[in-house]
PDB file of N, CA and C in Angstrom:
ATOM      1  N   MET A   1     -20.037 116.367 232.247  1.00  0.00           N
ATOM      2  CA  MET A   1     -20.332 115.113 232.903  1.00  0.00           C
ATOM      3  C   MET A   1     -21.116 115.305 234.195  1.00  0.00           C
ATOM      4  N   LYS A   2     -20.952 116.461 234.851  1.00  0.00           N
ATOM      5  CA  LYS A   2     -21.683 116.635 236.101  1.00  0.00           C
ATOM      6  C   LYS A   2     -23.181 116.813 235.839  1.00  0.00           C
ATOM      7  N   TYR A   3     -23.558 117.252 234.620  1.00  0.00           N
ATOM      8  CA  TYR A   3     -24.987 117.372 234.284  1.00  0.00           C
ATOM      9  C   TYR A   3     -25.619 116.003 234.074  1.00  0.00           C
ATOM     10  N   LEU A   4     -24.849 115.036 233.696  1.00  0.00           N
ATOM     11  CA  LEU A   4     -25.350 113.685 233.468  1.00  0.00           C
ATOM     12  C   LEU A   4     -25.860 113.044 234.758  1.00  0.00           C
ATOM     13  N   HIS A   5     -25.278 113.418 235.885  1.00  0.00           N
ATOM     14  CA  HIS A   5     -25.692 112.856 237.169  1.00  0.00           C
ATOM     15  C   HIS A   5     -26.973 113.509 237.686  1.00  0.00           C
ATOM     16  N   GLN A   6     -27.348 114.645 237.136  1.00  0.00           N
ATOM     17  CA  GLN A   6     -28.582 115.309 237.569  1.00  0.00           C
ATOM     18  C   GLN A   6     -29.816 114.706 236.912  1.00  0.00           C
ATOM     19  N   ILE A   7     -29.631 113.985 235.796  1.00  0.00           N
ATOM     20  CA  ILE A   7     -30.745 113.335 235.094  1.00  0.00           C
ATOM     21  C   ILE A   7     -31.106 112.057 235.848  1.00  0.00           C
ATOM     22  N   PRO A   8     -32.409 111.818 236.076  1.00  0.00           N
ATOM     23  CA  PRO A   8     -32.800 110.583 236.768  1.00  0.00           C
ATOM     24  C   PRO A   8     -32.305 109.353 236.002  1.00  0.00           C
ATOM     25  N   PRO A   9     -32.035 108.280 236.721  1.00  0.00           N
ATOM     26  CA  PRO A   9     -31.437 107.102 236.083  1.00  0.00           C
ATOM     27  C   PRO A   9     -32.319 106.448 235.023  1.00  0.00           C
ATOM     28  N   PHE A  10     -33.656 106.480 235.163  1.00  0.00           N
ATOM     29  CA  PHE A  10     -34.490 105.825 234.155  1.00  0.00           C
ATOM     30  C   PHE A  10     -34.479 106.597 232.836  1.00  0.00           C
ATOM     31  N   PHE A  11     -34.133 107.904 232.852  1.00  0.00           N
ATOM     32  CA  PHE A  11     -33.996 108.652 231.596  1.00  0.00           C
ATOM     33  C   PHE A  11     -32.614 108.477 230.970  1.00  0.00           C
ATOM     34  N   ARG A  12     -31.673 107.950 231.718  1.00  0.00           N
ATOM     35  CA  ARG A  12     -30.347 107.679 231.172  1.00  0.00           C
ATOM     36  C   ARG A  12     -30.279 106.309 230.509  1.00  0.00           C
ATOM     37  N   ASN A  13     -31.304 105.520 230.683  1.00  0.00           N
ATOM     38  CA  ASN A  13     -31.334 104.176 230.101  1.00  0.00           C
ATOM     39  C   ASN A  13     -31.506 104.301 228.589  1.00  0.00           C
ATOM     40  N   LYS A  14     -30.530 103.802 227.830  1.00  0.00           N
ATOM     41  CA  LYS A  14     -30.579 103.959 226.370  1.00  0.00           C
ATOM     42  C   LYS A  14     -31.696 103.128 225.733  1.00  0.00           C
ATOM     43  N   TYR A  15     -32.078 102.028 226.346  1.00  0.00           N
ATOM     44  CA  TYR A  15     -33.156 101.203 225.809  1.00  0.00           C
ATOM     45  C   TYR A  15     -34.511 101.893 225.981  1.00  0.00           C
ATOM     46  N   LEU A  16     -34.689 102.549 227.107  1.00  0.00           N
ATOM     47  CA  LEU A  16     -35.924 103.297 227.344  1.00  0.00           C
ATOM     48  C   LEU A  16     -36.014 104.477 226.377  1.00  0.00           C
ATOM     49  N   LEU A  17     -34.909 105.181 226.187  1.00  0.00           N
ATOM     50  CA  LEU A  17     -34.910 106.300 225.254  1.00  0.00           C
ATOM     51  C   LEU A  17     -35.187 105.846 223.826  1.00  0.00           C
ATOM     52  N   ALA A  18     -34.596 104.732 223.418  1.00  0.00           N
ATOM     53  CA  ALA A  18     -34.847 104.201 222.074  1.00  0.00           C
ATOM     54  C   ALA A  18     -36.303 103.762 221.925  1.00  0.00           C
ATOM     55  N   SER A  19     -36.853 103.169 222.972  1.00  0.00           N
ATOM     56  CA  SER A  19     -38.263 102.733 222.923  1.00  0.00           C
ATOM     57  C   SER A  19     -39.203 103.934 222.831  1.00  0.00           C
ATOM     58  N   ILE A  20     -38.931 104.964 223.628  1.00  0.00           N
ATOM     59  CA  ILE A  20     -39.769 106.164 223.580  1.00  0.00           C
ATOM     60  C   ILE A  20     -39.674 106.817 222.205  1.00  0.00           C
ATOM     61  N   PHE A  21     -38.476 106.918 221.673  1.00  0.00           N
ATOM     62  CA  PHE A  21     -38.299 107.481 220.337  1.00  0.00           C
ATOM     63  C   PHE A  21     -39.063 106.666 219.294  1.00  0.00           C
ATOM     64  N   PHE A  22     -38.982 105.347 219.390  1.00  0.00           N
ATOM     65  CA  PHE A  22     -39.683 104.474 218.448  1.00  0.00           C
ATOM     66  C   PHE A  22     -41.194 104.672 218.519  1.00  0.00           C
ATOM     67  N   VAL A  23     -41.735 104.723 219.726  1.00  0.00           N
ATOM     68  CA  VAL A  23     -43.185 104.890 219.892  1.00  0.00           C
ATOM     69  C   VAL A  23     -43.631 106.245 219.349  1.00  0.00           C
ATOM     70  N   VAL A  24     -42.890 107.302 219.664  1.00  0.00           N
ATOM     71  CA  VAL A  24     -43.249 108.635 219.165  1.00  0.00           C
ATOM     72  C   VAL A  24     -43.168 108.656 217.645  1.00  0.00           C
ATOM     73  N   TRP A  25     -42.138 108.056 217.105  1.00  0.00           N
ATOM     74  CA  TRP A  25     -41.986 108.012 215.650  1.00  0.00           C
ATOM     75  C   TRP A  25     -43.149 107.268 214.995  1.00  0.00           C
ATOM     76  N   MET A  26     -43.510 106.133 215.527  1.00  0.00           N
ATOM     77  CA  MET A  26     -44.579 105.322 214.927  1.00  0.00           C
ATOM     78  C   MET A  26     -45.952 105.997 215.050  1.00  0.00           C
ATOM     79  N   PHE A  27     -46.195 106.718 216.143  1.00  0.00           N
ATOM     80  CA  PHE A  27     -47.500 107.353 216.324  1.00  0.00           C
ATOM     81  C   PHE A  27     -47.657 108.659 215.551  1.00  0.00           C
ATOM     82  N   PHE A  28     -46.580 109.379 215.293  1.00  0.00           N
ATOM     83  CA  PHE A  28     -46.726 110.708 214.724  1.00  0.00           C
ATOM     84  C   PHE A  28     -46.028 110.937 213.383  1.00  0.00           C
ATOM     85  N   PHE A  29     -44.905 110.292 213.116  1.00  0.00           N
ATOM     86  CA  PHE A  29     -44.124 110.640 211.937  1.00  0.00           C
ATOM     87  C   PHE A  29     -44.108 109.581 210.848  1.00  0.00           C
ATOM     88  N   ASP A  30     -44.500 108.386 211.151  1.00  0.00           N
ATOM     89  CA  ASP A  30     -44.493 107.301 210.175  1.00  0.00           C
ATOM     90  C   ASP A  30     -45.590 107.533 209.132  1.00  0.00           C
ATOM     91  N   PRO A  31     -45.391 107.097 207.879  1.00  0.00           N
ATOM     92  CA  PRO A  31     -46.457 107.265 206.867  1.00  0.00           C
ATOM     93  C   PRO A  31     -47.753 106.535 207.230  1.00  0.00           C
ATOM     94  N   LYS A  32     -47.672 105.549 208.092  1.00  0.00           N
ATOM     95  CA  LYS A  32     -48.870 104.829 208.530  1.00  0.00           C
ATOM     96  C   LYS A  32     -49.206 105.181 209.978  1.00  0.00           C
ATOM     97  N   ASP A  33     -49.151 106.455 210.323  1.00  0.00           N
ATOM     98  CA  ASP A  33     -49.433 106.867 211.689  1.00  0.00           C
ATOM     99  C   ASP A  33     -50.931 106.808 211.976  1.00  0.00           C
ATOM    100  N   TRP A  34     -51.298 107.040 213.213  1.00  0.00           N
ATOM    101  CA  TRP A  34     -52.687 106.865 213.645  1.00  0.00           C
ATOM    102  C   TRP A  34     -53.641 107.865 212.998  1.00  0.00           C
ATOM    103  N   SER A  35     -53.239 109.107 212.891  1.00  0.00           N
ATOM    104  CA  SER A  35     -54.146 110.104 212.314  1.00  0.00           C
ATOM    105  C   SER A  35     -54.417 109.802 210.840  1.00  0.00           C
ATOM    106  N   SER A  36     -53.392 109.372 210.121  1.00  0.00           N
ATOM    107  CA  SER A  36     -53.596 109.006 208.712  1.00  0.00           C
ATOM    108  C   SER A  36     -54.482 107.777 208.599  1.00  0.00           C
ATOM    109  N   GLU A  37     -54.317 106.842 209.510  1.00  0.00           N
ATOM    110  CA  GLU A  37     -55.137 105.626 209.495  1.00  0.00           C
ATOM    111  C   GLU A  37     -56.608 105.960 209.733  1.00  0.00           C
ATOM    112  N   ILE A  38     -56.879 106.864 210.648  1.00  0.00           N
ATOM    113  CA  ILE A  38     -58.264 107.268 210.925  1.00  0.00           C
ATOM    114  C   ILE A  38     -58.866 107.948 209.699  1.00  0.00           C
ATOM    115  N   ARG A  39     -58.084 108.832 209.045  1.00  0.00           N
ATOM    116  CA  ARG A  39     -58.584 109.479 207.834  1.00  0.00           C
ATOM    117  C   ARG A  39     -58.829 108.474 206.722  1.00  0.00           C
ATOM    118  N   ARG A  40     -57.937 107.495 206.576  1.00  0.00           N
ATOM    119  CA  ARG A  40     -58.118 106.473 205.539  1.00  0.00           C
ATOM    120  C   ARG A  40     -59.365 105.643 205.791  1.00  0.00           C
ATOM    121  N   ARG A  41     -59.620 105.292 207.040  1.00  0.00           N
ATOM    122  CA  ARG A  41     -60.823 104.503 207.352  1.00  0.00           C
ATOM    123  C   ARG A  41     -62.097 105.301 207.081  1.00  0.00           C
ATOM    124  N   ALA A  42     -62.079 106.601 207.388  1.00  0.00           N
ATOM    125  CA  ALA A  42     -63.246 107.440 207.105  1.00  0.00           C
ATOM    126  C   ALA A  42     -63.477 107.534 205.599  1.00  0.00           C
ATOM    127  N   LYS A  43     -62.415 107.713 204.847  1.00  0.00           N
ATOM    128  CA  LYS A  43     -62.528 107.775 203.383  1.00  0.00           C
ATOM    129  C   LYS A  43     -63.031 106.448 202.824  1.00  0.00           C
ATOM    130  N   TYR A  44     -62.563 105.343 203.401  1.00  0.00           N
ATOM    131  CA  TYR A  44     -63.013 104.022 202.972  1.00  0.00           C
ATOM    132  C   TYR A  44     -64.515 103.857 203.209  1.00  0.00           C
ATOM    133  N   GLY A  45     -65.006 104.326 204.348  1.00  0.00           N
ATOM    134  CA  GLY A  45     -66.447 104.270 204.620  1.00  0.00           C
ATOM    135  C   GLY A  45     -67.245 105.088 203.623  1.00  0.00           C
ATOM    136  N   GLU A  46     -66.742 106.288 203.295  1.00  0.00           N
ATOM    137  CA  GLU A  46     -67.422 107.117 202.300  1.00  0.00           C
ATOM    138  C   GLU A  46     -67.438 106.438 200.935  1.00  0.00           C
ATOM    139  N   LEU A  47     -66.335 105.812 200.569  1.00  0.00           N
ATOM    140  CA  LEU A  47     -66.268 105.136 199.274  1.00  0.00           C
ATOM    141  C   LEU A  47     -67.192 103.925 199.231  1.00  0.00           C
ATOM    142  N   GLN A  48     -67.337 103.227 200.351  1.00  0.00           N
ATOM    143  CA  GLN A  48     -68.272 102.101 200.373  1.00  0.00           C
ATOM    144  C   GLN A  48     -69.710 102.579 200.206  1.00  0.00           C
ATOM    145  N   GLN A  49     -70.062 103.679 200.866  1.00  0.00           N
ATOM    146  CA  GLN A  49     -71.411 104.235 200.701  1.00  0.00           C
ATOM    147  C   GLN A  49     -71.640 104.676 199.265  1.00  0.00           C
ATOM    148  N   SER A  50     -70.640 105.285 198.675  1.00  0.00           N
ATOM    149  CA  SER A  50     -70.744 105.720 197.289  1.00  0.00           C
ATOM    150  C   SER A  50     -70.905 104.522 196.361  1.00  0.00           C
ATOM    151  N   GLU A  51     -70.187 103.445 196.657  1.00  0.00           N
ATOM    152  CA  GLU A  51     -70.285 102.247 195.827  1.00  0.00           C
ATOM    153  C   GLU A  51     -71.681 101.642 195.890  1.00  0.00           C
ATOM    154  N   THR A  52     -72.268 101.567 197.083  1.00  0.00           N
ATOM    155  CA  THR A  52     -73.615 101.015 197.188  1.00  0.00           C
ATOM    156  C   THR A  52     -74.629 101.898 196.470  1.00  0.00           C
ATOM    157  N   HIS A  53     -74.466 103.208 196.603  1.00  0.00           N
ATOM    158  CA  HIS A  53     -75.378 104.131 195.918  1.00  0.00           C
ATOM    159  C   HIS A  53     -75.262 103.976 194.396  1.00  0.00           C
ATOM    160  N   LEU A  54     -74.037 103.938 193.900  1.00  0.00           N
ATOM    161  CA  LEU A  54     -73.835 103.831 192.455  1.00  0.00           C
ATOM    162  C   LEU A  54     -74.278 102.482 191.917  1.00  0.00           C
ATOM    163  N   SER A  55     -74.079 101.418 192.685  1.00  0.00           N
ATOM    164  CA  SER A  55     -74.544 100.110 192.210  1.00  0.00           C
ATOM    165  C   SER A  55     -76.071 100.073 192.152  1.00  0.00           C
ATOM    166  N   GLY A  56     -76.734 100.760 193.093  1.00  0.00           N
ATOM    167  CA  GLY A  56     -78.192 100.874 193.031  1.00  0.00           C
ATOM    168  C   GLY A  56     -78.639 101.645 191.800  1.00  0.00           C
ATOM    169  N   MET A  57     -77.925 102.711 191.489  1.00  0.00           N
ATOM    170  CA  MET A  57     -78.253 103.485 190.289  1.00  0.00           C
ATOM    171  C   MET A  57     -78.029 102.653 189.023  1.00  0.00           C
ATOM    172  N   ILE A  58     -77.001 101.829 189.013  1.00  0.00           N
ATOM    173  CA  ILE A  58     -76.717 100.983 187.845  1.00  0.00           C
ATOM    174  C   ILE A  58     -77.834  99.980 187.637  1.00  0.00           C
ATOM    175  N   THR A  59     -78.316  99.362 188.717  1.00  0.00           N
ATOM    176  CA  THR A  59     -79.406  98.388 188.560  1.00  0.00           C
ATOM    177  C   THR A  59     -80.679  99.074 188.060  1.00  0.00           C
ATOM    178  N   GLU A  60     -80.965 100.278 188.574  1.00  0.00           N
ATOM    179  CA  GLU A  60     -82.139 101.007 188.093  1.00  0.00           C
ATOM    180  C   GLU A  60     -81.999 101.354 186.607  1.00  0.00           C
ATOM    181  N   THR A  61     -80.814 101.772 186.209  1.00  0.00           N
ATOM    182  CA  THR A  61     -80.572 102.132 184.813  1.00  0.00           C
ATOM    183  C   THR A  61     -80.693 100.914 183.910  1.00  0.00           C
ATOM    184  N   LYS A  62     -80.190  99.759 184.366  1.00  0.00           N
ATOM    185  CA  LYS A  62     -80.306  98.528 183.570  1.00  0.00           C
ATOM    186  C   LYS A  62     -81.760  98.113 183.422  1.00  0.00           C
ATOM    187  N   LYS A  63     -82.528  98.269 184.504  1.00  0.00           N
ATOM    188  CA  LYS A  63     -83.951  97.940 184.446  1.00  0.00           C
ATOM    189  C   LYS A  63     -84.666  98.861 183.457  1.00  0.00           C
ATOM    190  N   GLU A  64     -84.367 100.154 183.523  1.00  0.00           N
ATOM    191  CA  GLU A  64     -84.972 101.121 182.610  1.00  0.00           C
ATOM    192  C   GLU A  64     -84.563 100.847 181.168  1.00  0.00           C
ATOM    193  N   LEU A  65     -83.320 100.475 180.951  1.00  0.00           N
ATOM    194  CA  LEU A  65     -82.841 100.149 179.611  1.00  0.00           C
ATOM    195  C   LEU A  65     -83.560  98.922 179.052  1.00  0.00           C
ATOM    196  N   GLY A  66     -83.765  97.923 179.897  1.00  0.00           N
ATOM    197  CA  GLY A  66     -84.513  96.741 179.454  1.00  0.00           C
ATOM    198  C   GLY A  66     -85.928  97.089 179.044  1.00  0.00           C
ATOM    199  N   GLN A  67     -86.564  97.989 179.803  1.00  0.00           N
ATOM    200  CA  GLN A  67     -87.914  98.416 179.443  1.00  0.00           C
ATOM    201  C   GLN A  67     -87.904  99.215 178.151  1.00  0.00           C
ATOM    202  N   LEU A  68     -86.905 100.051 177.954  1.00  0.00           N
ATOM    203  CA  LEU A  68     -86.830 100.851 176.726  1.00  0.00           C
ATOM    204  C   LEU A  68     -86.587  99.975 175.504  1.00  0.00           C
ATOM    205  N   LYS A  69     -85.867  98.882 175.664  1.00  0.00           N
ATOM    206  CA  LYS A  69     -85.593  98.002 174.531  1.00  0.00           C
ATOM    207  C   LYS A  69     -86.816  97.184 174.131  1.00  0.00           C
ATOM    208  N   ASN A  70     -87.714  96.929 175.072  1.00  0.00           N
ATOM    209  CA  ASN A  70     -88.808  95.997 174.803  1.00  0.00           C
ATOM    210  C   ASN A  70     -90.179  96.638 174.650  1.00  0.00           C
ATOM    211  N   ASN A  71     -90.380  97.868 175.062  1.00  0.00           N
ATOM    212  CA  ASN A  71     -91.722  98.423 175.107  1.00  0.00           C
ATOM    213  C   ASN A  71     -91.752  99.784 174.392  1.00  0.00           C
ATOM    214  N   ALA A  72     -92.583  99.897 173.371  1.00  0.00           N
ATOM    215  CA  ALA A  72     -92.677 101.144 172.598  1.00  0.00           C
ATOM    216  C   ALA A  72     -93.328 102.257 173.424  1.00  0.00           C
ATOM    217  N   GLN A  73     -94.276 101.912 174.280  1.00  0.00           N
ATOM    218  CA  GLN A  73     -94.921 102.927 175.113  1.00  0.00           C
ATOM    219  C   GLN A  73     -93.922 103.532 176.114  1.00  0.00           C
ATOM    220  N   THR A  74     -93.022 102.720 176.589  1.00  0.00           N
ATOM    221  CA  THR A  74     -92.004 103.220 177.509  1.00  0.00           C
ATOM    222  C   THR A  74     -91.063 104.179 176.793  1.00  0.00           C
ATOM    223  N   ILE A  75     -90.738 103.881 175.543  1.00  0.00           N
ATOM    224  CA  ILE A  75     -89.874 104.774 174.762  1.00  0.00           C
ATOM    225  C   ILE A  75     -90.554 106.124 174.582  1.00  0.00           C
ATOM    226  N   GLU A  76     -91.845 106.103 174.254  1.00  0.00           N
ATOM    227  CA  GLU A  76     -92.581 107.352 174.061  1.00  0.00           C
ATOM    228  C   GLU A  76     -92.651 108.150 175.366  1.00  0.00           C
ATOM    229  N   LYS A  77     -92.934 107.461 176.467  1.00  0.00           N
ATOM    230  CA  LYS A  77     -93.014 108.116 177.768  1.00  0.00           C
ATOM    231  C   LYS A  77     -91.655 108.729 178.150  1.00  0.00           C
ATOM    232  N   TYR A  78     -90.593 108.005 177.911  1.00  0.00           N
ATOM    233  CA  TYR A  78     -89.244 108.476 178.231  1.00  0.00           C
ATOM    234  C   TYR A  78     -88.898 109.714 177.401  1.00  0.00           C
ATOM    235  N   ALA A  79     -89.227 109.675 176.106  1.00  0.00           N
ATOM    236  CA  ALA A  79     -88.939 110.813 175.228  1.00  0.00           C
ATOM    237  C   ALA A  79     -89.744 112.037 175.651  1.00  0.00           C
ATOM    238  N   ARG A  80     -90.975 111.858 176.044  1.00  0.00           N
ATOM    239  CA  ARG A  80     -91.805 112.976 176.466  1.00  0.00           C
ATOM    240  C   ARG A  80     -91.293 113.585 177.775  1.00  0.00           C
ATOM    241  N   GLU A  81     -90.908 112.744 178.733  1.00  0.00           N
ATOM    242  CA  GLU A  81     -90.497 113.246 180.044  1.00  0.00           C
ATOM    243  C   GLU A  81     -89.084 113.824 180.032  1.00  0.00           C
ATOM    244  N   LYS A  82     -88.171 113.123 179.415  1.00  0.00           N
ATOM    245  CA  LYS A  82     -86.767 113.530 179.502  1.00  0.00           C
ATOM    246  C   LYS A  82     -86.377 114.567 178.444  1.00  0.00           C
ATOM    247  N   TYR A  83     -86.889 114.437 177.251  1.00  0.00           N
ATOM    248  CA  TYR A  83     -86.465 115.303 176.157  1.00  0.00           C
ATOM    249  C   TYR A  83     -87.545 116.277 175.703  1.00  0.00           C
ATOM    250  N   LEU A  84     -88.686 116.298 176.402  1.00  0.00           N
ATOM    251  CA  LEU A  84     -89.793 117.214 176.130  1.00  0.00           C
ATOM    252  C   LEU A  84     -90.261 117.142 174.675  1.00  0.00           C
ATOM    253  N   MET A  85     -90.302 115.953 174.124  1.00  0.00           N
ATOM    254  CA  MET A  85     -90.783 115.764 172.757  1.00  0.00           C
ATOM    255  C   MET A  85     -92.305 115.715 172.766  1.00  0.00           C
ATOM    256  N   LYS A  86     -92.901 116.033 171.612  1.00  0.00           N
ATOM    257  CA  LYS A  86     -94.355 116.037 171.512  1.00  0.00           C
ATOM    258  C   LYS A  86     -94.764 115.569 170.126  1.00  0.00           C
ATOM    259  N   LYS A  87     -96.029 115.233 170.029  1.00  0.00           N
ATOM    260  CA  LYS A  87     -96.574 114.862 168.717  1.00  0.00           C
ATOM    261  C   LYS A  87     -96.871 116.135 167.937  1.00  0.00           C
ATOM    262  N   ASP A  88     -97.136 115.982 166.624  1.00  0.00           N
ATOM    263  CA  ASP A  88     -97.335 117.152 165.766  1.00  0.00           C
ATOM    264  C   ASP A  88     -98.569 117.964 166.146  1.00  0.00           C
ATOM    265  N   ASN A  89     -99.626 117.321 166.586  1.00  0.00           N
ATOM    266  CA  ASN A  89    -100.865 118.042 166.855  1.00  0.00           C
ATOM    267  C   ASN A  89    -101.034 118.387 168.347  1.00  0.00           C
ATOM    268  N   GLU A  90     -99.946 118.439 169.108  1.00  0.00           N
ATOM    269  CA  GLU A  90    -100.017 118.737 170.531  1.00  0.00           C
ATOM    270  C   GLU A  90     -99.312 120.049 170.856  1.00  0.00           C
ATOM    271  N   ASP A  91     -99.737 120.664 171.944  1.00  0.00           N
ATOM    272  CA  ASP A  91     -99.039 121.812 172.498  1.00  0.00           C
ATOM    273  C   ASP A  91     -98.364 121.359 173.790  1.00  0.00           C
ATOM    274  N   LEU A  92     -97.197 121.891 174.026  1.00  0.00           N
ATOM    275  CA  LEU A  92     -96.428 121.484 175.203  1.00  0.00           C
ATOM    276  C   LEU A  92     -96.212 122.698 176.097  1.00  0.00           C
ATOM    277  N   PHE A  93     -96.601 122.591 177.340  1.00  0.00           N
ATOM    278  CA  PHE A  93     -96.406 123.650 178.322  1.00  0.00           C
ATOM    279  C   PHE A  93     -95.432 123.150 179.377  1.00  0.00           C
ATOM    280  N   VAL A  94     -94.337 123.868 179.557  1.00  0.00           N
ATOM    281  CA  VAL A  94     -93.336 123.491 180.548  1.00  0.00           C
ATOM    282  C   VAL A  94     -93.457 124.442 181.719  1.00  0.00           C
ATOM    283  N   LEU A  95     -93.720 123.892 182.896  1.00  0.00           N
ATOM    284  CA  LEU A  95     -93.851 124.683 184.119  1.00  0.00           C
ATOM    285  C   LEU A  95     -92.579 124.540 184.934  1.00  0.00           C
ATOM    286  N   PRO A  96     -92.098 125.638 185.499  1.00  0.00           N
ATOM    287  CA  PRO A  96     -90.884 125.515 186.334  1.00  0.00           C
ATOM    288  C   PRO A  96     -91.184 124.770 187.624  1.00  0.00           C
ATOM    289  N   ALA A  97     -90.185 124.095 188.131  1.00  0.00           N
ATOM    290  CA  ALA A  97     -90.352 123.349 189.390  1.00  0.00           C
ATOM    291  C   ALA A  97     -90.506 124.344 190.533  1.00  0.00           C
ATOM    292  N   PRO A  98     -91.351 124.041 191.499  1.00  0.00           N
ATOM    293  CA  PRO A  98     -91.528 124.970 192.626  1.00  0.00           C
ATOM    294  C   PRO A  98     -90.258 125.031 193.466  1.00  0.00           C
ATOM    295  N   ASP A  99     -89.935 126.233 193.933  1.00  0.00           N
ATOM    296  CA  ASP A  99     -88.753 126.413 194.760  1.00  0.00           C
ATOM    297  C   ASP A  99     -89.017 125.909 196.167  1.00  0.00           C
ATOM    298  N   ALA A 100     -88.038 125.271 196.746  1.00  0.00           N
ATOM    299  CA  ALA A 100     -88.159 124.781 198.108  1.00  0.00           C
ATOM    300  C   ALA A 100     -87.995 125.899 199.134  1.00  0.00           C
ATOM    301  N   ASN A 101     -87.389 127.009 198.721  1.00  0.00           N
ATOM    302  CA  ASN A 101     -87.136 128.125 199.621  1.00  0.00           C
ATOM    303  C   ASN A 101     -88.381 128.924 199.947  1.00  0.00           C
ATOM    304  N   LYS A 102     -89.382 128.927 199.062  1.00  0.00           N
ATOM    305  CA  LYS A 102     -90.585 129.750 199.252  1.00  0.00           C
ATOM    306  C   LYS A 102     -91.561 129.096 200.165  1.00  0.00           C
TER     307      LYS A 102
END
């Protein structure tokens, strides 16, 4: 009991101790603490950027699909570029892409 009198009175207040414990718990140990919230917001921003990028790719793909369904020349061009197809009387030369490192 004599050690209890050496502690300053504001640290002996049970309401202050409970409040400090609550604040420390909420900031560091709770599943919704501040560090987790910051990480979640950063991940949310990355996912939004990914969503905009993917939606742009989807619109481009839909546009390309519409052209492939309606135009025979587009089908031929697509087959030549993507699948390296050729006509019977043609020769096809494939050149490697230039390296960016050189």
